[in-house]
């Protein structure tokens, strides 16, 4: 059974940075593609970034150049480095195991202006 636990969220001022972590268990982590999503207040959950088993990354246009997804196979963890944060980046951030469509519980990010 796949389990994902996000951490690293918090309150940050506009222009600041945060690094989110998603620790995975129950899977052969190195052979699975992972992704990060965000759900802003009153909006649908949206795709932000993904990373394949070979390390190929993909981003939604709104975070390109500001966010970076990465993975550490030894730690079974995927990261989302977020720089130049904006108030519109506020929301709950979720990681997802793509093959099984398993979600973590989410971590709150609040960016103040």
Protein backbone atom coordinates (compact mmCIF):
# COMPACT_ATOMS: atom_id res chain seq x y z
CA UNK A 1 0.00 0.00 0.00
CA UNK A 2 1.37 3.35 -1.07
CA UNK A 3 1.55 6.04 1.60
CA UNK A 4 2.65 9.62 1.04
CA UNK A 5 3.34 12.22 3.73
CA UNK A 6 3.94 15.86 2.83
CA UNK A 7 5.74 18.38 5.02
CA UNK A 8 7.45 21.74 4.81
CA UNK A 9 4.51 24.05 4.38
CA UNK A 10 4.04 27.25 6.34
CA UNK A 11 3.63 31.00 6.22
CA UNK A 12 6.08 32.99 4.11
CA UNK A 13 6.23 36.54 2.78
CA UNK A 14 5.97 37.24 -0.92
CA UNK A 15 9.33 36.75 -2.60
CA UNK A 16 10.36 34.11 -0.09
CA UNK A 17 11.11 30.42 -0.50
CA UNK A 18 9.93 27.09 0.87
CA UNK A 19 10.90 23.50 0.23
CA UNK A 20 8.19 20.88 0.44
CA UNK A 21 8.94 17.22 1.02
CA UNK A 22 6.89 14.13 0.23
CA UNK A 23 8.05 10.94 1.91
CA UNK A 24 6.83 7.75 0.26
CA UNK A 25 6.46 4.24 1.63
CA UNK A 26 5.06 1.01 0.32
CA UNK A 27 6.46 1.44 -3.18
CA UNK A 28 9.61 0.87 -5.14
CA UNK A 29 10.17 4.60 -5.18
CA UNK A 30 12.86 4.73 -7.82
CA UNK A 31 10.57 3.20 -10.43
CA UNK A 32 7.61 5.52 -10.01
CA UNK A 33 6.73 8.90 -11.42
CA UNK A 34 5.58 11.50 -8.90
CA UNK A 35 3.85 14.87 -9.09
CA UNK A 36 2.91 17.92 -7.05
CA UNK A 37 -0.49 19.59 -7.16
CA UNK A 38 -1.99 22.62 -5.47
CA UNK A 39 -5.52 23.49 -4.39
CA UNK A 40 -6.12 27.17 -3.81
CA UNK A 41 -9.09 28.33 -1.72
CA UNK A 42 -12.29 27.95 -3.70
CA UNK A 43 -10.54 26.43 -6.71
CA UNK A 44 -9.98 23.01 -8.17
CA UNK A 45 -6.80 21.10 -7.55
CA UNK A 46 -4.26 21.91 -10.25
CA UNK A 47 -1.15 20.20 -11.55
CA UNK A 48 2.15 21.96 -10.81
CA UNK A 49 5.06 19.65 -11.62
CA UNK A 50 6.00 16.05 -12.27
CA UNK A 51 9.14 13.97 -12.38
CA UNK A 52 9.65 10.65 -14.13
CA UNK A 53 11.77 7.73 -13.05
CA UNK A 54 14.55 8.98 -15.33
CA UNK A 55 14.39 12.48 -13.85
CA UNK A 56 12.54 14.21 -16.66
CA UNK A 57 10.53 17.11 -15.25
CA UNK A 58 7.46 18.96 -16.42
CA UNK A 59 5.91 22.16 -15.06
CA UNK A 60 2.79 24.21 -15.48
CA UNK A 61 3.62 27.58 -17.02
CA UNK A 62 2.71 29.55 -13.89
CA UNK A 63 5.57 28.02 -11.86
CA UNK A 64 8.25 27.55 -14.51
CA UNK A 65 11.48 29.19 -13.45
CA UNK A 66 10.30 29.51 -9.84
CA UNK A 67 9.59 25.94 -8.69
CA UNK A 68 11.80 22.87 -9.04
CA UNK A 69 10.80 19.26 -8.48
CA UNK A 70 13.43 16.70 -7.55
CA UNK A 71 13.70 13.25 -6.01
CA UNK A 72 16.05 11.41 -3.68
CA UNK A 73 15.77 7.67 -4.19
CA UNK A 74 17.83 6.86 -1.12
CA UNK A 75 15.35 8.75 1.05
CA UNK A 76 12.21 7.77 -0.88
CA UNK A 77 11.37 11.44 -1.00
CA UNK A 78 10.30 13.91 -3.67
CA UNK A 79 10.80 17.63 -3.14
CA UNK A 80 9.31 20.85 -4.44
CA UNK A 81 11.63 23.84 -4.09
CA UNK A 82 9.54 26.99 -4.37
CA UNK A 83 11.23 30.36 -4.90
CA UNK A 84 9.92 33.86 -5.58
CA UNK A 85 6.63 32.94 -3.96
CA UNK A 86 3.55 35.03 -4.70
CA UNK A 87 0.29 35.44 -2.77
CA UNK A 88 -1.46 33.48 -5.53
CA UNK A 89 0.72 30.47 -4.65
CA UNK A 90 -1.29 30.12 -1.44
CA UNK A 91 -3.04 26.79 -1.09
CA UNK A 92 -2.77 23.21 0.04
CA UNK A 93 0.01 21.33 -1.72
CA UNK A 94 -0.32 17.63 -2.42
CA UNK A 95 2.02 15.05 -3.82
CA UNK A 96 0.71 12.21 -5.96
CA UNK A 97 1.99 8.80 -6.92
CA UNK A 98 0.99 8.74 -10.55
CA UNK A 99 0.71 5.02 -11.25
CA UNK A 100 -1.71 4.33 -8.38
CA UNK A 101 -3.21 7.85 -8.18
CA UNK A 102 -2.46 7.90 -4.45
CA UNK A 103 -2.50 11.31 -2.75
CA UNK A 104 -0.83 12.54 0.39
CA UNK A 105 -2.76 14.47 3.04
CA UNK A 106 -1.46 17.85 1.88
CA UNK A 107 0.52 20.66 3.47
CA UNK A 108 -0.66 24.26 3.73
CA UNK A 109 1.35 27.06 2.13
CA UNK A 110 0.36 30.65 2.81
CA UNK A 111 2.12 33.54 1.09
CA UNK A 112 1.48 36.97 2.54
CA UNK A 113 1.74 40.16 0.52
